[in-house]
N, C-alpha and C. Protein backbone atom coordinates (compact mmCIF):
# COMPACT_ATOMS: atom_id res chain seq x y z
N MET A 1 -28.05 -19.06 -3.90
CA MET A 1 -27.24 -18.09 -3.13
C MET A 1 -26.88 -16.89 -4.17
N ALA A 2 -27.02 -15.65 -3.61
CA ALA A 2 -26.67 -14.47 -4.42
C ALA A 2 -25.25 -14.58 -4.88
N ASP A 3 -24.96 -14.00 -6.12
CA ASP A 3 -23.65 -14.09 -6.64
C ASP A 3 -22.96 -12.68 -6.55
N HIS A 4 -23.52 -11.78 -5.94
CA HIS A 4 -22.93 -10.42 -5.62
C HIS A 4 -23.29 -10.02 -4.20
N ILE A 5 -22.36 -9.11 -3.72
CA ILE A 5 -22.62 -8.61 -2.43
C ILE A 5 -22.15 -7.07 -2.38
N ILE A 6 -22.79 -6.22 -1.50
CA ILE A 6 -22.42 -4.87 -1.38
C ILE A 6 -21.46 -4.54 -0.37
N LEU A 7 -20.47 -3.83 -0.71
CA LEU A 7 -19.45 -3.27 0.21
C LEU A 7 -19.81 -1.71 0.44
N GLN A 8 -20.13 -1.43 1.66
CA GLN A 8 -20.24 -0.04 2.06
C GLN A 8 -18.99 0.49 2.69
N VAL A 9 -18.23 1.24 1.87
CA VAL A 9 -16.91 1.61 2.23
C VAL A 9 -16.69 3.14 2.67
N THR A 10 -16.24 3.35 3.75
CA THR A 10 -15.90 4.73 4.25
C THR A 10 -14.94 5.35 3.36
N ARG A 11 -15.19 6.47 2.75
CA ARG A 11 -14.23 7.23 1.95
C ARG A 11 -13.87 8.55 2.64
N TYR A 12 -12.59 9.01 2.51
CA TYR A 12 -12.25 10.32 2.95
C TYR A 12 -11.31 10.97 1.97
N ARG A 13 -11.97 11.95 1.27
CA ARG A 13 -11.20 12.64 0.28
C ARG A 13 -11.08 14.11 0.61
N PRO A 14 -10.02 14.50 1.50
CA PRO A 14 -10.10 15.75 2.10
C PRO A 14 -9.89 17.04 1.15
N GLU A 15 -9.46 16.61 -0.13
CA GLU A 15 -9.41 17.68 -1.10
C GLU A 15 -10.69 18.22 -1.49
N ARG A 16 -11.77 17.50 -1.32
CA ARG A 16 -13.06 17.95 -1.66
C ARG A 16 -14.17 17.56 -0.69
N GLU A 17 -13.88 16.95 0.49
CA GLU A 17 -14.88 16.60 1.47
C GLU A 17 -14.34 17.05 2.81
N SER A 18 -15.14 17.65 3.67
CA SER A 18 -14.68 17.96 5.07
C SER A 18 -14.87 16.75 6.01
N GLU A 19 -15.72 15.85 5.67
CA GLU A 19 -15.86 14.73 6.55
C GLU A 19 -15.92 13.38 5.77
N PRO A 20 -15.53 12.31 6.33
CA PRO A 20 -15.79 11.01 5.73
C PRO A 20 -17.14 10.67 5.24
N THR A 21 -17.32 10.08 4.10
CA THR A 21 -18.56 9.68 3.55
C THR A 21 -18.54 8.13 3.30
N THR A 22 -19.73 7.56 2.99
CA THR A 22 -19.84 6.14 2.65
C THR A 22 -20.20 5.98 1.26
N GLN A 23 -19.52 5.06 0.55
CA GLN A 23 -19.77 4.75 -0.91
C GLN A 23 -20.07 3.25 -1.05
N GLU A 24 -21.09 2.88 -1.76
CA GLU A 24 -21.37 1.47 -2.04
C GLU A 24 -20.85 0.92 -3.35
N TYR A 25 -20.26 -0.28 -3.28
CA TYR A 25 -19.74 -0.97 -4.43
C TYR A 25 -20.36 -2.38 -4.49
N GLU A 26 -20.93 -2.81 -5.69
CA GLU A 26 -21.36 -4.21 -5.75
C GLU A 26 -20.21 -5.05 -6.35
N ILE A 27 -19.91 -6.09 -5.68
CA ILE A 27 -18.84 -6.96 -6.19
C ILE A 27 -19.18 -8.45 -6.20
N PRO A 28 -18.46 -9.18 -6.99
CA PRO A 28 -18.86 -10.64 -7.02
C PRO A 28 -18.61 -11.30 -5.64
N LEU A 29 -19.54 -12.19 -5.23
CA LEU A 29 -19.47 -12.92 -4.06
C LEU A 29 -18.84 -14.27 -4.34
N ARG A 30 -17.59 -14.40 -4.01
CA ARG A 30 -16.93 -15.73 -4.35
C ARG A 30 -16.53 -16.39 -3.01
N GLU A 31 -16.63 -17.77 -2.99
CA GLU A 31 -16.34 -18.46 -1.72
C GLU A 31 -14.89 -18.21 -1.21
N GLU A 32 -13.92 -18.09 -2.15
CA GLU A 32 -12.59 -17.99 -1.70
C GLU A 32 -12.13 -16.54 -1.51
N TRP A 33 -12.96 -15.62 -1.69
CA TRP A 33 -12.50 -14.20 -1.54
C TRP A 33 -12.68 -13.71 -0.22
N ALA A 34 -11.52 -13.19 0.37
CA ALA A 34 -11.57 -12.40 1.65
C ALA A 34 -12.11 -10.97 1.34
N VAL A 35 -12.42 -10.24 2.39
CA VAL A 35 -12.79 -8.82 2.25
C VAL A 35 -11.76 -8.13 1.51
N LEU A 36 -10.47 -8.34 1.84
CA LEU A 36 -9.47 -7.72 1.12
C LEU A 36 -9.48 -7.90 -0.43
N ASP A 37 -9.83 -9.17 -0.79
CA ASP A 37 -9.95 -9.36 -2.31
C ASP A 37 -11.05 -8.56 -2.85
N GLY A 38 -12.26 -8.44 -2.14
CA GLY A 38 -13.31 -7.53 -2.54
C GLY A 38 -12.92 -6.18 -2.78
N LEU A 39 -12.08 -5.62 -1.78
CA LEU A 39 -11.55 -4.33 -1.91
C LEU A 39 -10.61 -4.13 -3.08
N ASN A 40 -9.82 -5.10 -3.28
CA ASN A 40 -8.81 -5.07 -4.41
C ASN A 40 -9.54 -5.13 -5.76
N HIS A 41 -10.70 -5.83 -5.72
CA HIS A 41 -11.50 -5.89 -6.96
C HIS A 41 -12.05 -4.44 -7.23
N VAL A 42 -12.56 -3.86 -6.12
CA VAL A 42 -13.10 -2.40 -6.37
C VAL A 42 -11.98 -1.53 -6.91
N LYS A 43 -10.78 -1.62 -6.35
CA LYS A 43 -9.69 -0.73 -6.74
C LYS A 43 -9.25 -1.05 -8.16
N ASP A 44 -9.20 -2.32 -8.53
CA ASP A 44 -8.67 -2.63 -9.87
C ASP A 44 -9.77 -2.54 -10.95
N GLN A 45 -11.01 -2.77 -10.58
CA GLN A 45 -12.13 -2.79 -11.71
C GLN A 45 -13.09 -1.69 -11.70
N LEU A 46 -13.32 -1.12 -10.36
CA LEU A 46 -14.44 -0.21 -10.30
C LEU A 46 -13.97 1.29 -9.99
N ASP A 47 -13.13 1.41 -9.11
CA ASP A 47 -12.77 2.69 -8.56
C ASP A 47 -11.31 2.77 -8.18
N GLY A 48 -10.46 3.27 -9.02
CA GLY A 48 -9.02 3.35 -8.74
C GLY A 48 -8.67 4.34 -7.65
N THR A 49 -9.59 5.26 -7.30
CA THR A 49 -9.25 6.23 -6.18
C THR A 49 -9.27 5.64 -4.80
N LEU A 50 -9.88 4.46 -4.76
CA LEU A 50 -9.95 3.87 -3.36
C LEU A 50 -8.55 3.61 -2.76
N SER A 51 -8.38 4.12 -1.50
CA SER A 51 -7.08 3.83 -0.85
C SER A 51 -7.16 3.18 0.41
N TYR A 52 -6.25 2.23 0.66
CA TYR A 52 -6.14 1.51 1.95
C TYR A 52 -4.89 0.75 1.96
N ARG A 53 -4.52 0.34 3.09
CA ARG A 53 -3.14 -0.41 3.32
C ARG A 53 -3.35 -1.93 3.34
N TRP A 54 -2.36 -2.59 2.70
CA TRP A 54 -2.20 -4.02 2.77
C TRP A 54 -0.91 -4.41 2.31
N SER A 55 -0.47 -5.63 2.70
CA SER A 55 0.89 -5.99 2.19
C SER A 55 0.96 -7.54 1.95
N CYS A 56 0.99 -8.37 2.96
CA CYS A 56 1.32 -9.79 2.81
C CYS A 56 0.18 -10.71 2.43
N ARG A 57 -1.03 -10.38 2.67
CA ARG A 57 -2.29 -11.24 2.51
C ARG A 57 -2.23 -12.43 3.20
N MET A 58 -1.36 -12.64 4.21
CA MET A 58 -1.25 -13.92 4.88
C MET A 58 -1.49 -13.78 6.37
N GLY A 59 -2.10 -12.68 6.97
CA GLY A 59 -2.34 -12.51 8.36
C GLY A 59 -1.06 -12.41 9.15
N ILE A 60 0.01 -11.91 8.54
CA ILE A 60 1.22 -11.70 9.32
C ILE A 60 1.62 -10.26 9.49
N CYS A 61 1.47 -9.47 8.42
CA CYS A 61 1.95 -8.07 8.59
C CYS A 61 1.12 -7.11 9.31
N GLY A 62 -0.26 -7.42 9.41
CA GLY A 62 -1.12 -6.56 10.14
C GLY A 62 -1.54 -5.33 9.40
N SER A 63 -1.05 -5.12 8.14
CA SER A 63 -1.30 -3.78 7.55
C SER A 63 -2.79 -3.61 7.14
N CYS A 64 -3.56 -4.76 6.95
CA CYS A 64 -4.85 -4.54 6.31
C CYS A 64 -5.94 -4.49 7.34
N GLY A 65 -5.64 -4.15 8.57
CA GLY A 65 -6.64 -4.09 9.66
C GLY A 65 -7.63 -2.99 9.35
N MET A 66 -8.89 -3.34 9.45
CA MET A 66 -9.96 -2.38 9.21
C MET A 66 -11.20 -2.76 10.20
N THR A 67 -12.14 -1.85 10.21
CA THR A 67 -13.35 -2.20 10.99
C THR A 67 -14.44 -2.82 10.05
N VAL A 68 -14.71 -4.10 10.27
CA VAL A 68 -15.66 -4.73 9.39
C VAL A 68 -16.95 -5.04 10.07
N ASN A 69 -18.06 -4.53 9.64
CA ASN A 69 -19.33 -4.50 10.39
C ASN A 69 -19.26 -4.25 11.83
N GLY A 70 -18.38 -3.18 12.17
CA GLY A 70 -18.21 -2.80 13.56
C GLY A 70 -17.19 -3.53 14.41
N GLU A 71 -16.51 -4.44 13.87
CA GLU A 71 -15.42 -5.20 14.60
C GLU A 71 -14.13 -5.08 13.88
N PRO A 72 -13.05 -4.85 14.71
CA PRO A 72 -11.70 -4.75 14.14
C PRO A 72 -11.29 -6.18 13.57
N ARG A 73 -10.93 -6.26 12.40
CA ARG A 73 -10.55 -7.45 11.72
C ARG A 73 -9.38 -7.17 10.71
N LEU A 74 -8.74 -8.33 10.53
CA LEU A 74 -7.81 -8.44 9.41
C LEU A 74 -8.47 -8.77 8.10
N THR A 75 -8.55 -7.84 7.20
CA THR A 75 -9.42 -8.03 6.01
C THR A 75 -9.01 -9.25 5.10
N CYS A 76 -7.59 -9.60 5.25
CA CYS A 76 -7.18 -10.64 4.45
C CYS A 76 -7.57 -12.02 5.00
N ALA A 77 -8.03 -12.01 6.31
CA ALA A 77 -8.40 -13.27 6.88
C ALA A 77 -9.97 -13.32 7.33
N THR A 78 -10.65 -12.32 6.72
CA THR A 78 -12.12 -12.20 6.87
C THR A 78 -12.88 -12.36 5.58
N PHE A 79 -13.76 -13.38 5.45
CA PHE A 79 -14.23 -13.74 4.26
C PHE A 79 -15.58 -13.20 3.88
N LEU A 80 -15.93 -12.80 2.70
CA LEU A 80 -17.12 -12.24 2.23
C LEU A 80 -18.28 -13.10 2.59
N THR A 81 -18.17 -14.30 2.43
CA THR A 81 -19.24 -15.41 2.67
C THR A 81 -19.72 -15.37 4.12
N ASP A 82 -18.81 -14.86 4.98
CA ASP A 82 -19.28 -14.82 6.44
C ASP A 82 -20.37 -13.71 6.70
N TYR A 83 -20.53 -12.86 5.75
CA TYR A 83 -21.46 -11.71 5.96
C TYR A 83 -22.51 -11.66 4.97
N ARG A 84 -22.78 -12.80 4.15
CA ARG A 84 -23.96 -12.83 3.25
C ARG A 84 -25.21 -12.78 4.05
N PRO A 85 -26.12 -12.21 3.47
CA PRO A 85 -26.23 -11.52 2.14
C PRO A 85 -25.79 -10.11 2.08
N GLY A 86 -25.14 -9.62 3.17
CA GLY A 86 -24.62 -8.38 3.13
C GLY A 86 -25.64 -7.23 3.58
N PRO A 87 -25.32 -6.01 3.42
CA PRO A 87 -24.06 -5.48 2.96
C PRO A 87 -22.99 -5.61 4.04
N ILE A 88 -21.82 -5.30 3.57
CA ILE A 88 -20.67 -5.32 4.55
C ILE A 88 -20.10 -3.89 4.59
N ARG A 89 -20.16 -3.45 5.87
CA ARG A 89 -19.62 -2.06 6.13
C ARG A 89 -18.26 -2.06 6.51
N ILE A 90 -17.34 -1.30 5.73
CA ILE A 90 -15.86 -1.35 5.96
C ILE A 90 -15.46 0.04 6.34
N GLU A 91 -14.85 0.23 7.46
CA GLU A 91 -14.42 1.56 7.92
C GLU A 91 -13.03 1.46 8.53
N PRO A 92 -12.45 2.65 8.69
CA PRO A 92 -11.11 2.63 9.29
C PRO A 92 -11.09 2.00 10.69
N LEU A 93 -9.94 1.57 11.27
CA LEU A 93 -9.85 1.25 12.57
C LEU A 93 -10.14 2.35 13.52
N ARG A 94 -10.89 2.12 14.63
CA ARG A 94 -11.14 3.21 15.54
C ARG A 94 -9.84 3.50 16.38
N ASN A 95 -10.06 4.74 17.02
CA ASN A 95 -8.90 5.28 17.81
C ASN A 95 -7.69 5.68 17.11
N PHE A 96 -7.73 5.78 15.75
CA PHE A 96 -6.67 6.34 15.04
C PHE A 96 -7.13 7.37 14.03
N PRO A 97 -6.22 8.40 13.76
CA PRO A 97 -6.73 9.42 12.78
C PRO A 97 -7.04 8.87 11.46
N VAL A 98 -8.06 9.40 10.84
CA VAL A 98 -8.31 9.07 9.58
C VAL A 98 -7.62 9.91 8.52
N ILE A 99 -6.62 9.37 7.83
CA ILE A 99 -5.79 10.17 6.89
C ILE A 99 -5.77 9.58 5.49
N ARG A 100 -5.29 10.40 4.68
CA ARG A 100 -5.00 9.99 3.24
C ARG A 100 -3.98 10.92 2.80
N ASP A 101 -2.81 10.40 2.23
CA ASP A 101 -1.77 11.28 1.89
C ASP A 101 -2.11 12.01 0.58
N GLU A 102 -2.16 13.39 0.64
CA GLU A 102 -2.58 14.23 -0.45
C GLU A 102 -1.49 15.30 -0.70
N ASP A 103 -0.47 15.27 0.10
CA ASP A 103 0.55 16.50 0.05
C ASP A 103 1.49 16.23 -1.13
N GLY A 104 1.40 17.25 -2.01
CA GLY A 104 2.35 17.34 -3.18
C GLY A 104 2.11 16.32 -4.14
N ALA A 105 2.58 16.65 -5.34
CA ALA A 105 2.44 15.71 -6.51
C ALA A 105 3.69 14.70 -6.51
N ALA A 106 3.49 13.57 -7.07
CA ALA A 106 4.65 12.71 -7.24
C ALA A 106 5.68 13.28 -8.21
N PRO A 107 6.93 13.04 -7.88
CA PRO A 107 8.03 13.58 -8.89
C PRO A 107 7.95 12.80 -10.10
N ASP A 108 8.36 13.45 -11.18
CA ASP A 108 8.39 12.84 -12.37
C ASP A 108 9.67 11.86 -12.53
N GLY A 109 9.41 10.74 -12.99
CA GLY A 109 10.56 9.83 -13.03
C GLY A 109 10.98 9.11 -11.69
N GLU A 110 12.06 8.38 -11.78
CA GLU A 110 12.51 7.59 -10.54
C GLU A 110 13.27 8.41 -9.69
N LEU A 111 13.28 8.12 -8.25
CA LEU A 111 14.24 8.70 -7.39
C LEU A 111 15.38 7.71 -7.20
N LEU A 112 16.35 7.94 -7.97
CA LEU A 112 17.53 6.99 -8.09
C LEU A 112 18.46 7.05 -6.90
N GLN A 113 18.98 5.86 -6.60
CA GLN A 113 20.08 5.89 -5.56
C GLN A 113 21.25 4.98 -5.99
N THR A 114 22.37 5.22 -5.53
CA THR A 114 23.45 4.39 -5.77
C THR A 114 23.46 3.26 -4.73
N PRO A 115 24.08 2.14 -5.09
CA PRO A 115 24.18 1.04 -4.16
C PRO A 115 24.78 1.50 -2.70
N ALA A 116 25.71 2.40 -2.79
CA ALA A 116 26.21 2.93 -1.48
C ALA A 116 25.34 3.67 -0.78
N GLU A 117 24.45 4.45 -1.38
CA GLU A 117 23.46 5.23 -0.76
C GLU A 117 22.49 4.28 -0.08
N MET A 118 22.05 3.23 -0.68
CA MET A 118 21.06 2.32 -0.12
C MET A 118 21.81 1.55 1.09
N ASP A 119 22.98 1.12 0.86
CA ASP A 119 23.73 0.34 1.97
C ASP A 119 23.74 1.19 3.24
N ASP A 120 23.68 2.57 3.09
CA ASP A 120 23.87 3.38 4.24
C ASP A 120 22.62 3.28 5.27
N TYR A 121 21.53 2.84 4.71
CA TYR A 121 20.33 2.74 5.57
C TYR A 121 19.63 1.31 5.58
N LYS A 122 20.15 0.52 4.63
CA LYS A 122 19.46 -0.91 4.38
C LYS A 122 19.27 -1.67 5.74
N ARG A 123 20.36 -1.78 6.61
CA ARG A 123 20.22 -2.62 7.72
C ARG A 123 19.10 -2.16 8.65
N TYR A 124 18.85 -0.81 8.78
CA TYR A 124 17.83 -0.37 9.58
C TYR A 124 16.37 -0.54 9.03
N SER A 125 16.35 -0.84 7.86
CA SER A 125 15.00 -1.23 7.22
C SER A 125 14.58 -2.63 7.41
N MET A 126 15.40 -3.41 8.07
CA MET A 126 15.08 -4.86 8.18
C MET A 126 14.21 -5.18 9.40
N CYS A 127 13.86 -4.22 10.18
CA CYS A 127 13.05 -4.39 11.32
C CYS A 127 11.70 -5.16 10.86
N ILE A 128 11.43 -6.10 11.72
CA ILE A 128 9.99 -6.79 11.56
C ILE A 128 9.04 -6.55 12.70
N ASN A 129 9.33 -5.60 13.45
CA ASN A 129 8.46 -5.21 14.55
C ASN A 129 8.15 -6.23 15.54
N CYS A 130 9.14 -7.05 15.79
CA CYS A 130 9.00 -8.18 16.82
C CYS A 130 8.90 -7.61 18.27
N MET A 131 9.52 -6.54 18.47
CA MET A 131 9.55 -5.82 19.72
C MET A 131 10.43 -6.55 20.78
N LEU A 132 11.34 -7.45 20.35
CA LEU A 132 12.25 -8.15 21.23
C LEU A 132 13.28 -7.05 21.79
N CYS A 133 13.53 -6.02 21.00
CA CYS A 133 14.51 -4.95 21.55
C CYS A 133 13.88 -4.20 22.70
N TYR A 134 12.58 -3.94 22.61
CA TYR A 134 11.90 -3.30 23.75
C TYR A 134 11.89 -4.15 25.01
N SER A 135 11.77 -5.38 24.85
CA SER A 135 11.83 -6.34 26.03
C SER A 135 13.20 -6.37 26.61
N ALA A 136 14.26 -6.27 25.77
CA ALA A 136 15.52 -6.38 26.23
C ALA A 136 16.16 -5.10 26.84
N CYS A 137 15.50 -3.89 26.46
CA CYS A 137 16.08 -2.65 26.87
C CYS A 137 15.62 -2.25 28.24
N PRO A 138 16.58 -1.98 29.12
CA PRO A 138 16.27 -1.65 30.54
C PRO A 138 15.67 -0.25 30.61
N ILE A 139 16.01 0.64 29.72
CA ILE A 139 15.46 2.09 29.80
C ILE A 139 13.92 2.00 29.48
N VAL A 140 13.45 1.19 28.56
CA VAL A 140 12.02 1.01 28.26
C VAL A 140 11.30 0.65 29.54
N GLY A 141 11.88 -0.23 30.43
CA GLY A 141 11.30 -0.71 31.61
C GLY A 141 11.25 0.42 32.72
N LEU A 142 12.14 1.37 32.58
CA LEU A 142 12.28 2.46 33.63
C LEU A 142 11.65 3.70 33.25
N GLU A 143 11.68 4.04 31.97
CA GLU A 143 11.17 5.37 31.46
C GLU A 143 10.08 5.19 30.57
N GLU A 144 8.86 5.48 30.97
CA GLU A 144 7.65 5.28 30.22
C GLU A 144 7.63 6.11 29.01
N GLY A 145 8.23 7.18 28.87
CA GLY A 145 8.11 8.07 27.74
C GLY A 145 9.23 7.84 26.70
N PHE A 146 10.09 6.98 26.92
CA PHE A 146 11.24 6.75 26.06
C PHE A 146 10.77 6.21 24.86
N LEU A 147 11.16 6.74 23.71
CA LEU A 147 10.77 6.21 22.33
C LEU A 147 11.08 4.75 21.97
N GLY A 148 12.23 4.46 22.57
CA GLY A 148 12.67 2.97 22.31
C GLY A 148 13.51 2.72 21.16
N PRO A 149 14.18 1.59 21.04
CA PRO A 149 15.18 1.36 20.00
C PRO A 149 14.64 1.15 18.71
N ALA A 150 13.48 0.61 18.58
CA ALA A 150 12.94 0.16 17.23
C ALA A 150 12.50 1.53 16.53
N VAL A 151 11.82 2.43 17.31
CA VAL A 151 11.31 3.64 16.74
C VAL A 151 12.52 4.53 16.27
N ILE A 152 13.55 4.56 17.09
CA ILE A 152 14.66 5.42 16.70
C ILE A 152 15.37 4.76 15.51
N ALA A 153 15.56 3.44 15.49
CA ALA A 153 16.24 2.87 14.34
C ALA A 153 15.37 3.16 13.10
N LEU A 154 14.08 3.06 13.19
CA LEU A 154 13.29 3.31 12.01
C LEU A 154 13.46 4.86 11.49
N ALA A 155 13.53 5.73 12.59
CA ALA A 155 13.77 7.06 12.15
C ALA A 155 15.06 7.28 11.38
N GLN A 156 16.06 6.54 11.94
CA GLN A 156 17.47 6.70 11.26
C GLN A 156 17.37 6.09 9.91
N ARG A 157 16.54 5.07 9.71
CA ARG A 157 16.49 4.44 8.36
C ARG A 157 16.06 5.53 7.37
N TYR A 158 15.14 6.38 7.73
CA TYR A 158 14.68 7.53 6.86
C TYR A 158 15.69 8.60 6.84
N ASN A 159 16.28 8.95 8.01
CA ASN A 159 17.31 10.00 7.98
C ASN A 159 18.45 9.68 6.99
N LEU A 160 18.78 8.44 6.86
CA LEU A 160 19.98 8.13 6.06
C LEU A 160 19.55 7.81 4.58
N ASP A 161 18.23 7.88 4.22
CA ASP A 161 17.70 7.61 2.97
C ASP A 161 17.93 8.95 2.23
N SER A 162 18.67 8.83 1.01
CA SER A 162 18.95 10.02 0.21
C SER A 162 17.68 10.79 -0.44
N ARG A 163 16.63 9.93 -0.41
CA ARG A 163 15.38 10.45 -0.95
C ARG A 163 14.53 11.15 0.03
N ASP A 164 14.81 11.09 1.23
CA ASP A 164 13.88 11.57 2.39
C ASP A 164 14.24 13.13 2.62
N GLU A 165 13.10 13.78 3.03
CA GLU A 165 13.24 15.16 3.28
C GLU A 165 12.77 15.54 4.64
N GLY A 166 12.59 14.60 5.61
CA GLY A 166 11.97 14.95 6.89
C GLY A 166 12.90 14.88 8.04
N ALA A 167 14.26 14.81 7.83
CA ALA A 167 15.15 14.81 8.92
C ALA A 167 15.05 15.92 9.94
N ASP A 168 14.75 17.09 9.41
CA ASP A 168 14.68 18.29 10.26
C ASP A 168 13.35 18.16 11.25
N GLU A 169 12.43 17.64 10.72
CA GLU A 169 11.16 17.42 11.51
C GLU A 169 11.43 16.32 12.58
N ARG A 170 12.15 15.30 12.24
CA ARG A 170 12.42 14.21 13.21
C ARG A 170 13.30 14.62 14.34
N MET A 171 14.11 15.61 14.04
CA MET A 171 15.26 16.11 14.92
C MET A 171 14.50 16.59 16.26
N ASP A 172 13.36 17.32 16.05
CA ASP A 172 12.79 17.82 17.31
C ASP A 172 12.24 16.75 18.15
N VAL A 173 11.97 15.57 17.65
CA VAL A 173 11.47 14.40 18.49
C VAL A 173 12.57 13.51 19.03
N LEU A 174 13.63 13.33 18.03
CA LEU A 174 14.65 12.35 18.42
C LEU A 174 15.70 13.02 19.30
N SER A 175 16.03 14.34 19.24
CA SER A 175 16.98 14.95 20.09
C SER A 175 16.55 15.50 21.39
N THR A 176 15.92 14.50 22.27
CA THR A 176 15.39 14.89 23.40
C THR A 176 15.69 13.79 24.47
N ALA A 177 15.23 14.01 25.68
CA ALA A 177 15.51 13.05 26.78
C ALA A 177 14.65 11.78 26.53
N GLU A 178 13.56 11.91 25.81
CA GLU A 178 12.71 10.68 25.51
C GLU A 178 13.23 10.11 24.28
N GLY A 179 14.15 10.70 23.53
CA GLY A 179 14.64 10.20 22.34
C GLY A 179 15.93 9.60 22.57
N VAL A 180 17.00 9.98 21.74
CA VAL A 180 18.24 9.32 21.80
C VAL A 180 19.00 9.59 23.10
N TRP A 181 18.79 10.77 23.64
CA TRP A 181 19.52 11.00 24.95
C TRP A 181 19.00 10.29 26.16
N GLY A 182 17.90 9.61 25.96
CA GLY A 182 17.49 8.69 27.07
C GLY A 182 18.14 7.39 27.14
N CYS A 183 18.94 7.05 25.88
CA CYS A 183 19.62 5.73 25.94
C CYS A 183 20.98 5.78 26.62
N THR A 184 21.13 4.84 27.45
CA THR A 184 22.42 4.79 28.20
C THR A 184 23.50 3.84 27.50
N PHE A 185 23.11 3.33 26.34
CA PHE A 185 23.97 2.46 25.47
C PHE A 185 24.33 1.13 26.30
N VAL A 186 23.29 0.43 26.73
CA VAL A 186 23.62 -0.86 27.35
C VAL A 186 23.86 -1.80 26.13
N GLY A 187 23.13 -1.71 25.02
CA GLY A 187 23.36 -2.48 23.93
C GLY A 187 22.55 -3.76 23.76
N GLU A 188 21.71 -3.95 24.79
CA GLU A 188 20.88 -5.30 24.72
C GLU A 188 19.97 -5.32 23.63
N CYS A 189 19.48 -4.20 23.07
CA CYS A 189 18.62 -4.17 22.05
C CYS A 189 19.24 -4.73 20.82
N THR A 190 20.42 -4.44 20.47
CA THR A 190 21.03 -5.01 19.30
C THR A 190 21.37 -6.52 19.53
N THR A 191 21.66 -6.93 20.65
CA THR A 191 21.97 -8.31 21.04
C THR A 191 20.63 -9.16 20.76
N ALA A 192 19.43 -8.50 21.18
CA ALA A 192 18.20 -9.37 21.10
C ALA A 192 17.77 -9.34 19.60
N CYS A 193 18.07 -8.31 18.79
CA CYS A 193 17.48 -8.20 17.40
C CYS A 193 17.77 -9.50 16.58
N PRO A 194 16.78 -10.16 16.04
CA PRO A 194 16.88 -11.46 15.20
C PRO A 194 17.29 -11.14 13.76
N LYS A 195 17.21 -9.84 13.32
CA LYS A 195 17.49 -9.38 11.96
C LYS A 195 18.69 -8.54 11.84
N GLY A 196 19.54 -8.41 12.81
CA GLY A 196 20.79 -7.59 12.69
C GLY A 196 20.60 -6.11 12.33
N VAL A 197 19.49 -5.56 12.91
CA VAL A 197 19.22 -4.17 12.60
C VAL A 197 20.26 -3.25 13.37
N ASP A 198 20.62 -3.60 14.41
CA ASP A 198 21.67 -2.79 15.32
C ASP A 198 20.87 -1.50 15.73
N PRO A 199 19.90 -1.51 16.49
CA PRO A 199 19.26 -0.26 16.93
C PRO A 199 20.23 0.55 17.83
N ALA A 200 21.02 -0.15 18.62
CA ALA A 200 21.95 0.65 19.46
C ALA A 200 22.89 1.43 18.63
N GLY A 201 23.42 0.88 17.50
CA GLY A 201 24.29 1.63 16.61
C GLY A 201 23.54 2.80 15.93
N ALA A 202 22.24 2.58 15.63
CA ALA A 202 21.52 3.62 15.09
C ALA A 202 21.35 4.78 16.06
N ILE A 203 21.09 4.46 17.28
CA ILE A 203 21.02 5.48 18.33
C ILE A 203 22.25 6.29 18.53
N GLN A 204 23.37 5.58 18.67
CA GLN A 204 24.68 6.27 18.82
C GLN A 204 25.00 7.12 17.63
N ARG A 205 24.75 6.60 16.52
CA ARG A 205 25.01 7.38 15.33
C ARG A 205 24.21 8.68 15.24
N TYR A 206 22.94 8.55 15.73
CA TYR A 206 22.07 9.81 15.70
C TYR A 206 22.51 10.63 16.80
N LYS A 207 23.00 10.13 17.94
CA LYS A 207 23.58 11.14 18.95
C LYS A 207 24.66 11.97 18.38
N LEU A 208 25.53 11.44 17.61
CA LEU A 208 26.55 12.33 16.99
C LEU A 208 25.93 13.28 15.98
N THR A 209 24.95 12.87 15.25
CA THR A 209 24.27 13.89 14.29
C THR A 209 23.62 14.99 15.18
N ALA A 210 22.90 14.63 16.19
CA ALA A 210 22.18 15.59 17.09
C ALA A 210 23.19 16.59 17.75
N ALA A 211 24.33 16.06 18.35
CA ALA A 211 25.25 16.85 18.94
C ALA A 211 26.02 17.80 17.93
N THR A 212 26.26 17.31 16.75
CA THR A 212 26.89 18.17 15.65
C THR A 212 25.93 19.30 15.30
N GLU A 213 24.68 18.96 15.19
CA GLU A 213 23.69 20.04 14.78
C GLU A 213 23.48 21.08 15.94
N SER A 214 23.46 20.52 17.19
CA SER A 214 23.37 21.54 18.27
C SER A 214 24.62 22.44 18.31
N LEU A 215 25.78 21.86 18.10
CA LEU A 215 26.93 22.76 18.16
C LEU A 215 26.97 23.79 16.98
N ARG A 216 26.56 23.26 15.89
CA ARG A 216 26.43 24.16 14.65
C ARG A 216 25.52 25.29 14.92
N SER A 217 24.28 25.00 15.57
CA SER A 217 23.37 26.08 15.79
C SER A 217 23.84 27.08 16.85
N PHE A 218 24.64 26.53 17.73
CA PHE A 218 25.28 27.47 18.80
C PHE A 218 26.33 28.43 18.18
N LEU A 219 27.16 27.86 17.33
CA LEU A 219 28.32 28.61 16.78
C LEU A 219 27.79 29.39 15.50
N LEU A 220 26.88 28.91 14.76
CA LEU A 220 26.31 29.56 13.68
C LEU A 220 24.85 29.75 13.69
N PRO A 221 24.36 30.56 14.59
CA PRO A 221 22.91 30.70 14.90
C PRO A 221 22.13 31.20 13.69
N TRP A 222 22.79 31.94 12.76
CA TRP A 222 22.06 32.57 11.60
C TRP A 222 21.61 31.45 10.73
N ARG A 223 22.39 30.23 10.57
CA ARG A 223 22.05 29.16 9.70
C ARG A 223 20.75 28.44 9.99
N SER A 224 20.26 28.53 11.34
CA SER A 224 19.06 27.92 11.74
C SER A 224 17.88 28.94 11.88
N ALA A 225 18.15 30.19 11.47
CA ALA A 225 17.12 31.24 11.54
C ALA A 225 16.24 31.08 10.45
């Protein structure tokens, strides 16, 4: 049996390429290695510029989903030996935009927070995407365009993070009838949440923020010019 296999990896480097390209890497073929292990070998040993998402390596988080030889697969649960002698073609998932974060340089040093600043958003960061809140929410069942409790709670998680700079951009999406104003505050989403996230509380808190900003823009229009 061959002791190496070729990965044909789709690369997208918008800073110097207008379209995605394919790059080949030869990696060890080991019985216990999943495709994700092969990609990690490439990143650690061969090419540190390779970018992709992964988290738990246990088939739970869903972060490492990619297209492997034309099929959507979790790369942590798809083994190299299933594709020998190769090559293995690895591409982004279909029906999603192909992106890579290139905006701005990383800041020098750490972005420090006080414990109080972290406590302000911590509970909203505990969402596990179980979607129980969507099942419990009557508005989700009635209004197809409603963003829903988990999305709004996640947005509030970042709005309250002292390191974040995207609150103004999210305001245009959240302060709408499909956003927080679509919620009638039944509160079933918070009751259903198994992690104590309190999406209903996040929505009501953001309603106050949105109303305050709307009033400020009306009374002080030059501040938003």
